[in-house]
Amino acid sequence: MSTWHKSSHSGGNGGDCVEVREHSNGADVRDTQNRELGHLGFEAKEWSALLNTLKK
């Protein structure tokens, strides 16, 4: 499994941030300030659709 990294849209000012861990089955997303609460998992097809929608 890949490592977690901050979203490029989170900024670096200590504000609200999300981290993403992309893998062959999709991606996981978690709140940087509340890591202990777990993460949301997306299948590859869902993750791809989300990214394509955000790019539009």
C-alpha atoms as a PDB file:
ATOM      1  CA  MET A   1       0.000   0.000   0.000  1.00  0.00           C
ATOM      2  CA  SER A   2       1.261   3.491  -0.778  1.00  0.00           C
ATOM      3  CA  THR A   3       1.949   6.191   1.776  1.00  0.00           C
ATOM      4  CA  TRP A   4      -0.336   9.019   2.835  1.00  0.00           C
ATOM      5  CA  HIS A   5       0.239  12.470   1.323  1.00  0.00           C
ATOM      6  CA  LYS A   6      -1.470  15.824   1.739  1.00  0.00           C
ATOM      7  CA  SER A   7      -3.854  16.954  -0.927  1.00  0.00           C
ATOM      8  CA  SER A   8      -2.291  19.572  -3.191  1.00  0.00           C
ATOM      9  CA  HIS A   9      -5.367  21.722  -2.503  1.00  0.00           C
ATOM     10  CA  SER A  10      -4.955  21.665   1.286  1.00  0.00           C
ATOM     11  CA  GLY A  11      -2.426  24.484   1.422  1.00  0.00           C
ATOM     12  CA  GLY A  12       0.364  24.746   3.931  1.00  0.00           C
ATOM     13  CA  ASN A  13      -1.036  27.206   6.437  1.00  0.00           C
ATOM     14  CA  GLY A  14      -2.149  24.690   9.077  1.00  0.00           C
ATOM     15  CA  GLY A  15      -5.794  24.941   8.021  1.00  0.00           C
ATOM     16  CA  ASP A  16      -8.173  22.163   7.144  1.00  0.00           C
ATOM     17  CA  CYS A  17      -6.286  19.413   5.353  1.00  0.00           C
ATOM     18  CA  VAL A  18      -6.999  16.021   3.902  1.00  0.00           C
ATOM     19  CA  GLU A  19      -4.547  13.231   3.162  1.00  0.00           C
ATOM     20  CA  VAL A  20      -4.820  10.722   0.353  1.00  0.00           C
ATOM     21  CA  ARG A  21      -3.365   7.241  -0.017  1.00  0.00           C
ATOM     22  CA  GLU A  22      -3.724   5.981  -3.582  1.00  0.00           C
ATOM     23  CA  HIS A  23      -3.388   2.264  -4.329  1.00  0.00           C
ATOM     24  CA  SER A  24      -4.193  -0.204  -7.083  1.00  0.00           C
ATOM     25  CA  ASN A  25      -7.768  -0.702  -5.827  1.00  0.00           C
ATOM     26  CA  GLY A  26      -8.559   3.030  -5.546  1.00  0.00           C
ATOM     27  CA  ALA A  27      -7.789   5.528  -2.798  1.00  0.00           C
ATOM     28  CA  ASP A  28      -8.335   6.287   0.876  1.00  0.00           C
ATOM     29  CA  VAL A  29      -8.980   9.801   2.225  1.00  0.00           C
ATOM     30  CA  ARG A  30      -8.695  11.008   5.819  1.00  0.00           C
ATOM     31  CA  ASP A  31      -8.822  14.225   7.819  1.00  0.00           C
ATOM     32  CA  THR A  32      -5.292  15.228   8.801  1.00  0.00           C
ATOM     33  CA  GLN A  33      -6.442  16.688  12.112  1.00  0.00           C
ATOM     34  CA  ASN A  34      -8.516  13.621  13.065  1.00  0.00           C
ATOM     35  CA  ARG A  35      -6.554  10.632  11.765  1.00  0.00           C
ATOM     36  CA  GLU A  36      -7.743   8.448  14.622  1.00  0.00           C
ATOM     37  CA  LEU A  37     -11.301   8.585  13.237  1.00  0.00           C
ATOM     38  CA  GLY A  38     -10.310   6.453  10.255  1.00  0.00           C
ATOM     39  CA  HIS A  39     -10.662   7.067   6.547  1.00  0.00           C
ATOM     40  CA  LEU A  40     -13.051   6.884   3.613  1.00  0.00           C
ATOM     41  CA  GLY A  41     -12.229   4.300   0.966  1.00  0.00           C
ATOM     42  CA  PHE A  42     -13.002   4.722  -2.735  1.00  0.00           C
ATOM     43  CA  GLU A  43     -12.821   2.029  -5.400  1.00  0.00           C
ATOM     44  CA  ALA A  44     -10.666   2.872  -8.438  1.00  0.00           C
ATOM     45  CA  LYS A  45     -13.675   3.651 -10.639  1.00  0.00           C
ATOM     46  CA  GLU A  46     -15.183   5.967  -8.000  1.00  0.00           C
ATOM     47  CA  TRP A  47     -11.870   7.718  -7.350  1.00  0.00           C
ATOM     48  CA  SER A  48     -11.277   8.286 -11.061  1.00  0.00           C
ATOM     49  CA  ALA A  49     -14.803   9.684 -11.510  1.00  0.00           C
ATOM     50  CA  LEU A  50     -14.326  12.063  -8.572  1.00  0.00           C
ATOM     51  CA  LEU A  51     -11.007  13.373  -9.878  1.00  0.00           C
ATOM     52  CA  ASN A  52     -12.416  13.822 -13.388  1.00  0.00           C
ATOM     53  CA  THR A  53     -15.393  15.744 -12.006  1.00  0.00           C
ATOM     54  CA  LEU A  54     -13.165  18.008  -9.918  1.00  0.00           C
ATOM     55  CA  LYS A  55     -10.991  18.803 -12.937  1.00  0.00           C
ATOM     56  CA  LYS A  56     -13.990  20.123 -14.906  1.00  0.00           C
END
